[in-house]
Amino acid sequence: MPVNIVYILGASQLSVSGGVQLSGFNQGAGTHLAGQTITLNSNAWQAMNVFDSSRDASFDDSDASQTLSGAQTVDGIPYADGLRVEAEYGLTLRDPEGNEYTVLGFNINELGVTSYATVEGLAFVGGIGGFPPRDVPLTVVGTREGPRHAYSSLATPPCFTDGTLIETPGGPIAIEALSAGDIVLTADHGAQPIRWVGRTYLPAAVLAKCPEFRPIRIAKDAFGPGRPYRDTALSPQHRVLIDDWRATLFFGEDEVLAPACKLVNGTNVTIDSTARGVRYHHLAFDKHEVICGDGLMSESYLISSDTAPDARRELQTLMHQALTRGAMRAARVCVTARHCSLLRPAAPTYRETAPAASP
């Protein structure tokens, strides 16, 4: 069943300058937004289930084959199963540092309402982790009608899976038991409160259609004794901390962060092809942090853009209302995909024990 996930930020979670709204003008070309600024006021990304009967693997404008898969709610408003959805327009946003982001107007076609008159939120292009910083005015420097982007290119948050034990001052706690305000141990800033928790369930049908969302399973001791101390699993683009000689030799850093999917070696780091569904959990703090799950150090939620140059992506900021804009940066250097193969752990070796000599 061709069900796809599109992460959006609802219109109520955004501010647009000049009293302008996301929807309602210019036949859905988005030109009414040109020159305005759009500010993301929260990290409340929402996963929309989209049925696409065309099987073309892309989210398009004016595509009657794209519908909501099941009844869903956006900004507190319920929408019925089967309503048509589309990428109404495309925008290019630019932050004050010059980084650019590709954005799609997510439109649910309500019955009796002109289709382009309702844009319920924004989706972001750039792969997993491709979200812009929050609380930063992003200037609309480009608009276009008729966007078309592969579902696999749309941004989704990096995250942990059910059962992952997160280190806290009181000991390890299963991630599904954590909520905003709970305290977690971080590598750099000690005990820190969680500011936002997001959770998304991907059923077997979605994983079958979109194998790029399958979890990456990391075997016990894959990165050294106790790292992790038991088998664990992460979302494909969740970045793992690498702090051994390879980080120093190949990248000149004591520690780097690399996406789990780029560390797959076919033995002790593998794609979980048997998962019958997976629940992903996202943890955000005031800063981008390195935290411990099942004994493996990895990142907390970081908003970044895969469309920006590598050097800029390493400095992307996760903003929180209580902090000054520009005060935060990525917790570690984030290694680019084309170099991650250098960081894959060695496959485990097994030493045969010779049979005991007969008496």
Protein backbone atom coordinates (compact mmCIF):
# COMPACT_ATOMS: atom_id res chain seq x y z
CA MET A 1 0.00 0.00 0.00
CA PRO A 2 1.67 3.26 -1.14
CA VAL A 3 1.49 5.26 2.09
CA ASN A 4 4.10 7.98 2.59
CA ILE A 5 5.07 10.23 5.50
CA VAL A 6 5.25 14.01 5.04
CA TYR A 7 6.37 16.00 8.09
CA ILE A 8 4.80 19.45 8.32
CA LEU A 9 4.71 22.39 10.68
CA GLY A 10 1.13 23.63 10.98
CA ALA A 11 0.25 27.20 10.04
CA SER A 12 -0.49 28.08 13.68
CA GLN A 13 3.14 27.25 14.55
CA LEU A 14 4.46 29.86 12.08
CA SER A 15 4.54 33.66 11.92
CA VAL A 16 4.47 35.49 8.59
CA SER A 17 5.40 39.17 8.39
CA GLY A 18 3.13 41.87 7.01
CA GLY A 19 -0.06 40.22 8.23
CA VAL A 20 0.18 37.74 5.33
CA GLN A 21 -1.09 34.16 5.53
CA LEU A 22 0.24 30.99 3.92
CA SER A 23 -2.87 30.47 1.82
CA GLY A 24 -5.43 32.12 -0.37
CA PHE A 25 -3.75 33.97 -3.22
CA ASN A 26 -2.40 33.84 -6.78
CA GLN A 27 -3.68 30.43 -7.83
CA GLY A 28 -1.38 28.72 -5.42
CA ALA A 29 1.90 30.09 -6.78
CA GLY A 30 2.97 31.51 -3.40
CA THR A 31 3.94 34.85 -4.92
CA HIS A 32 2.03 36.72 -2.19
CA LEU A 33 4.78 35.59 0.20
CA ALA A 34 7.70 36.99 -1.83
CA GLY A 35 9.85 39.30 0.30
CA GLN A 36 8.04 38.42 3.53
CA THR A 37 9.65 36.58 6.42
CA ILE A 38 8.45 33.30 7.89
CA THR A 39 9.44 32.39 11.45
CA LEU A 40 9.11 28.88 12.90
CA ASN A 41 7.77 29.30 16.43
CA SER A 42 7.99 25.68 17.56
CA ASN A 43 9.43 22.24 16.87
CA ALA A 44 5.97 20.60 16.76
CA TRP A 45 6.57 18.72 13.51
CA GLN A 46 3.60 16.55 12.57
CA ALA A 47 3.73 13.40 10.47
CA MET A 48 0.99 13.33 7.81
CA ASN A 49 0.12 9.97 6.24
CA VAL A 50 -0.35 10.39 2.50
CA PHE A 51 -1.74 7.67 0.21
CA ASP A 52 -0.35 8.06 -3.32
CA SER A 53 -2.01 5.71 -5.79
CA SER A 54 0.19 6.91 -8.67
CA ARG A 55 3.20 5.10 -7.19
CA ASP A 56 5.47 7.79 -8.64
CA ALA A 57 7.24 8.23 -5.26
CA SER A 58 6.92 12.02 -5.38
CA PHE A 59 4.82 14.66 -3.65
CA ASP A 60 3.41 16.97 -6.33
CA ASP A 61 1.18 19.93 -7.05
CA SER A 62 -2.17 19.22 -8.76
CA ASP A 63 -1.94 15.46 -8.31
CA ALA A 64 -5.36 13.88 -7.77
CA SER A 65 -3.76 10.59 -6.72
CA GLN A 66 -2.52 12.00 -3.37
CA THR A 67 -4.97 11.71 -0.46
CA LEU A 68 -4.92 11.58 3.33
CA SER A 69 -4.46 8.03 4.55
CA GLY A 70 -6.84 7.97 7.51
CA ALA A 71 -8.51 10.78 9.43
CA GLN A 72 -5.92 13.30 10.67
CA THR A 73 -5.78 16.56 12.61
CA VAL A 74 -3.76 19.70 11.90
CA ASP A 75 -3.77 22.66 14.31
CA GLY A 76 -6.70 21.10 16.14
CA ILE A 77 -8.84 20.85 12.99
CA PRO A 78 -9.92 17.32 11.95
CA TYR A 79 -9.69 16.23 8.32
CA ALA A 80 -11.41 13.19 6.89
CA ASP A 81 -9.76 10.16 5.35
CA GLY A 82 -9.41 10.44 1.57
CA LEU A 83 -9.19 14.23 1.19
CA ARG A 84 -6.87 15.21 -1.62
CA VAL A 85 -3.51 16.77 -0.67
CA GLU A 86 -0.84 18.48 -2.73
CA ALA A 87 2.33 20.53 -2.69
CA GLU A 88 0.56 23.79 -3.50
CA TYR A 89 3.66 25.92 -4.05
CA GLY A 90 7.39 25.92 -3.50
CA LEU A 91 9.35 28.54 -1.56
CA THR A 92 13.02 29.29 -1.08
CA LEU A 93 13.77 30.71 2.37
CA ARG A 94 17.02 32.37 3.40
CA ASP A 95 18.21 32.84 6.98
CA PRO A 96 20.34 35.80 8.19
CA GLU A 97 23.52 33.73 7.68
CA GLY A 98 22.73 33.17 4.00
CA ASN A 99 21.66 29.51 4.27
CA GLU A 100 18.75 28.60 2.01
CA TYR A 101 15.92 26.10 2.55
CA THR A 102 13.40 24.57 0.16
CA VAL A 103 9.84 24.59 1.47
CA LEU A 104 6.51 23.21 0.20
CA GLY A 105 3.03 24.51 0.97
CA PHE A 106 1.09 21.48 2.29
CA ASN A 107 -2.49 21.81 1.09
CA ILE A 108 -5.50 19.74 2.12
CA ASN A 109 -8.29 20.21 -0.45
CA GLU A 110 -11.42 20.79 1.62
CA LEU A 111 -14.76 20.06 0.04
CA GLY A 112 -16.42 23.18 -1.36
CA VAL A 113 -13.31 25.32 -0.92
CA THR A 114 -11.03 26.50 -3.73
CA SER A 115 -8.02 24.21 -3.50
CA TYR A 116 -5.31 26.87 -3.34
CA ALA A 117 -7.23 28.81 -0.67
CA THR A 118 -6.10 26.47 2.09
CA VAL A 119 -2.46 25.79 2.90
CA GLU A 120 -2.42 24.03 6.26
CA GLY A 121 1.32 24.04 6.87
CA LEU A 122 4.82 23.79 5.44
CA ALA A 123 6.89 20.73 4.56
CA PHE A 124 10.65 20.93 4.14
CA VAL A 125 12.97 19.43 1.54
CA GLY A 126 16.48 18.26 2.24
CA GLY A 127 16.39 14.80 3.70
CA ILE A 128 16.19 13.86 7.36
CA GLY A 129 17.29 16.78 9.54
CA GLY A 130 16.60 19.37 6.82
CA PHE A 131 14.60 21.78 8.97
CA PRO A 132 15.47 25.48 9.32
CA PRO A 133 16.24 27.03 12.73
CA ARG A 134 13.30 28.14 14.84
CA ASP A 135 12.73 31.68 16.14
CA VAL A 136 14.75 33.07 13.22
CA PRO A 137 13.08 35.22 10.50
CA LEU A 138 13.51 33.42 7.16
CA THR A 139 13.11 35.64 4.13
CA VAL A 140 11.12 34.32 1.15
CA VAL A 141 13.57 34.87 -1.73
CA GLY A 142 11.88 32.60 -4.30
CA THR A 143 8.41 31.27 -5.13
CA ARG A 144 7.23 28.78 -7.72
CA GLU A 145 4.15 26.89 -8.80
CA GLY A 146 3.99 23.18 -9.54
CA PRO A 147 6.70 21.77 -7.23
CA ARG A 148 7.54 18.06 -7.36
CA HIS A 149 9.82 16.34 -4.86
CA ALA A 150 10.46 12.69 -4.03
CA TYR A 151 8.96 11.64 -0.70
CA SER A 152 12.40 10.34 0.26
CA SER A 153 13.83 13.87 -0.11
CA LEU A 154 11.47 15.42 2.44
CA ALA A 155 12.86 16.29 5.85
CA THR A 156 12.14 14.09 8.87
CA PRO A 157 13.52 14.37 12.42
CA PRO A 158 16.34 12.11 13.63
CA CYS A 159 15.17 9.98 16.52
CA PHE A 160 15.40 7.05 18.91
CA THR A 161 13.21 3.92 18.94
CA ASP A 162 10.95 2.36 21.57
CA GLY A 163 12.73 0.90 24.56
CA THR A 164 15.96 2.90 24.24
CA LEU A 165 17.28 3.56 27.75
CA ILE A 166 18.30 7.22 28.11
CA GLU A 167 20.74 8.17 30.87
CA THR A 168 19.29 10.51 33.50
CA PRO A 169 20.55 11.63 36.94
CA GLY A 170 18.36 8.94 38.45
CA GLY A 171 19.56 6.19 36.13
CA PRO A 172 18.48 4.93 32.70
CA ILE A 173 14.85 5.55 31.73
CA ALA A 174 13.01 4.15 28.68
CA ILE A 175 12.57 6.94 26.18
CA GLU A 176 8.82 6.41 25.89
CA ALA A 177 8.51 7.33 29.59
CA LEU A 178 10.21 10.73 29.13
CA SER A 179 8.36 13.99 28.59
CA ALA A 180 9.10 17.71 28.39
CA GLY A 181 10.63 18.95 31.65
CA ASP A 182 12.32 15.67 32.54
CA ILE A 183 16.06 15.85 33.17
CA VAL A 184 18.58 13.99 31.00
CA LEU A 185 22.37 13.74 31.33
CA THR A 186 24.31 15.39 28.49
CA ALA A 187 27.97 15.02 27.58
CA ASP A 188 28.71 18.74 27.56
CA HIS A 189 26.28 20.49 29.91
CA GLY A 190 25.45 17.96 32.61
CA ALA A 191 21.82 17.50 33.60
CA GLN A 192 19.50 19.37 31.22
CA PRO A 193 15.69 19.58 30.91
CA ILE A 194 13.97 18.22 27.82
CA ARG A 195 12.19 21.07 26.04
CA TRP A 196 10.21 19.08 23.46
CA VAL A 197 9.35 15.45 22.79
CA GLY A 198 7.98 14.28 19.45
CA ARG A 199 6.71 10.79 18.67
CA THR A 200 5.76 9.18 15.36
CA TYR A 201 4.61 5.66 14.55
CA LEU A 202 5.41 4.25 11.10
CA PRO A 203 3.38 1.10 10.35
CA ALA A 204 4.63 -1.83 8.31
CA ALA A 205 2.93 -0.49 5.17
CA VAL A 206 4.97 2.70 5.33
CA LEU A 207 8.24 0.86 5.94
CA ALA A 208 7.50 -1.41 2.98
CA LYS A 209 6.86 1.56 0.70
CA CYS A 210 9.65 3.74 2.15
CA PRO A 211 12.55 1.47 3.17
CA GLU A 212 14.69 4.57 3.74
CA PHE A 213 12.76 5.03 7.01
CA ARG A 214 13.64 1.57 8.36
CA PRO A 215 15.56 1.67 11.64
CA ILE A 216 19.28 0.99 11.78
CA ARG A 217 20.07 -1.80 14.24
CA ILE A 218 23.36 -1.49 16.12
CA ALA A 219 24.58 -4.64 17.86
CA LYS A 220 25.95 -4.73 21.37
CA ASP A 221 29.61 -3.57 21.53
CA ALA A 222 29.61 -2.51 17.84
CA PHE A 223 31.61 0.64 18.65
CA GLY A 224 33.58 -0.84 21.54
CA PRO A 225 32.87 -2.56 24.85
CA GLY A 226 29.51 -1.37 26.17
CA ARG A 227 28.91 0.90 23.17
CA PRO A 228 26.08 0.08 23.11
CA TYR A 229 25.73 -2.24 26.09
CA ARG A 230 22.84 -4.01 24.36
CA ASP A 231 21.38 -4.10 20.86
CA THR A 232 19.77 -0.77 20.00
CA ALA A 233 18.15 0.95 17.01
CA LEU A 234 18.03 4.50 15.67
CA SER A 235 16.35 6.28 12.79
CA PRO A 236 18.53 6.20 9.65
CA GLN A 237 19.84 9.77 9.87
CA HIS A 238 20.25 9.92 13.65
CA ARG A 239 23.91 10.85 14.14
CA VAL A 240 26.18 8.70 16.30
CA LEU A 241 29.23 10.06 18.14
CA ILE A 242 32.52 8.65 16.84
CA ASP A 243 35.46 9.42 19.14
CA ASP A 244 38.19 6.96 18.22
CA TRP A 245 41.39 7.23 16.15
CA ARG A 246 39.44 7.43 12.88
CA ALA A 247 37.87 10.74 13.82
CA THR A 248 41.32 12.16 14.46
CA LEU A 249 43.07 10.57 11.49
CA PHE A 250 40.48 11.25 8.81
CA PHE A 251 38.84 14.45 10.06
CA GLY A 252 41.30 16.07 12.48
CA GLU A 253 38.68 16.03 15.26
CA ASP A 254 38.59 14.24 18.59
CA GLU A 255 34.89 13.55 18.05
CA VAL A 256 32.50 13.73 15.10
CA LEU A 257 28.84 12.91 14.47
CA ALA A 258 27.85 10.60 11.60
CA PRO A 259 24.41 9.36 10.42
CA ALA A 260 23.63 5.80 11.51
CA CYS A 261 22.64 4.77 7.98
CA LYS A 262 26.12 5.67 6.71
CA LEU A 263 27.75 3.42 9.32
CA VAL A 264 26.02 0.24 8.10
CA ASN A 265 28.58 -2.52 7.53
CA GLY A 266 26.27 -5.49 7.05
CA THR A 267 27.30 -7.28 10.24
CA ASN A 268 26.98 -5.42 13.53
CA VAL A 269 25.38 -2.28 12.06
CA THR A 270 22.51 -3.26 9.78
CA ILE A 271 19.23 -2.08 8.29
CA ASP A 272 16.34 -3.71 10.15
CA SER A 273 14.48 -5.28 7.22
CA THR A 274 12.16 -7.28 9.49
CA ALA A 275 10.59 -4.42 11.47
CA ARG A 276 6.78 -4.64 11.38
CA GLY A 277 6.43 -1.01 12.31
CA VAL A 278 8.51 1.40 14.37
CA ARG A 279 7.85 4.25 16.79
CA TYR A 280 10.38 7.06 16.64
CA HIS A 281 10.98 9.48 19.52
CA HIS A 282 12.59 12.93 19.20
CA LEU A 283 14.18 14.81 22.12
CA ALA A 284 15.05 18.52 21.92
CA PHE A 285 16.97 20.58 24.49
CA ASP A 286 17.95 24.24 24.73
CA LYS A 287 21.11 23.30 22.86
CA HIS A 288 22.09 20.53 20.49
CA GLU A 289 23.37 17.90 22.91
CA VAL A 290 25.18 14.58 22.91
CA ILE A 291 23.26 12.11 25.08
CA CYS A 292 23.54 8.43 25.94
CA GLY A 293 21.03 5.81 24.83
CA ASP A 294 21.69 2.14 25.63
CA GLY A 295 25.32 3.08 26.28
CA LEU A 296 25.82 4.65 22.83
CA MET A 297 26.49 8.39 22.60
CA SER A 298 24.47 10.15 19.93
CA GLU A 299 22.80 13.45 19.18
CA SER A 300 19.63 15.08 20.41
CA TYR A 301 17.32 16.81 17.96
CA LEU A 302 19.13 19.32 15.71
CA ILE A 303 17.48 21.40 13.04
CA SER A 304 19.79 21.64 10.03
CA SER A 305 19.63 21.85 6.25
CA ASP A 306 21.02 19.24 3.93
CA THR A 307 20.61 21.76 1.11
CA ALA A 308 23.21 24.08 2.64
CA PRO A 309 26.96 23.64 2.10
CA ASP A 310 28.61 21.18 4.44
CA ALA A 311 30.47 23.83 6.44
CA ARG A 312 27.23 25.70 7.05
CA ARG A 313 25.33 22.55 7.97
CA GLU A 314 27.82 21.87 10.77
CA LEU A 315 26.89 25.22 12.34
CA GLN A 316 23.10 24.96 12.10
CA THR A 317 21.29 26.15 15.18
CA LEU A 318 18.49 24.62 17.22
CA MET A 319 16.75 27.65 18.68
CA HIS A 320 14.62 27.86 21.81
CA GLN A 321 12.52 30.85 22.86
CA ALA A 322 14.60 31.42 26.00
CA LEU A 323 17.85 31.78 24.09
CA THR A 324 19.44 34.49 22.00
CA ARG A 325 19.43 33.89 18.27
CA GLY A 326 22.75 32.55 17.02
CA ALA A 327 23.95 31.41 20.47
CA MET A 328 23.96 27.67 19.62
CA ARG A 329 25.81 25.49 17.16
CA ALA A 330 26.02 21.82 16.34
CA ALA A 331 27.45 19.92 19.32
CA ARG A 332 30.15 18.31 17.14
CA VAL A 333 31.36 18.44 13.56
CA CYS A 334 28.77 16.61 11.44
CA VAL A 335 30.56 14.43 8.91
CA THR A 336 29.36 14.57 5.33
CA ALA A 337 27.81 11.46 3.81
CA ARG A 338 30.52 10.82 1.23
CA HIS A 339 33.15 10.42 3.97
CA CYS A 340 31.17 8.39 6.50
CA SER A 341 32.32 5.04 5.18
CA LEU A 342 35.68 5.77 6.81
CA LEU A 343 33.98 5.61 10.21
CA ARG A 344 32.18 2.29 9.90
CA PRO A 345 33.02 -0.08 12.74
CA ALA A 346 35.02 -3.18 11.93
CA ALA A 347 33.01 -6.34 11.49
CA PRO A 348 33.23 -8.58 14.55
CA THR A 349 35.73 -11.39 14.37
CA TYR A 350 35.23 -14.81 15.85
CA ARG A 351 38.12 -17.03 16.95
CA GLU A 352 37.54 -20.73 16.54
CA THR A 353 38.39 -22.77 19.59
CA ALA A 354 40.29 -25.92 18.77
CA PRO A 355 38.66 -29.08 20.09
CA ALA A 356 40.25 -30.51 23.20
CA ALA A 357 42.72 -33.31 22.59
CA SER A 358 41.44 -36.77 23.33
CA PRO A 359 42.85 -38.29 26.50
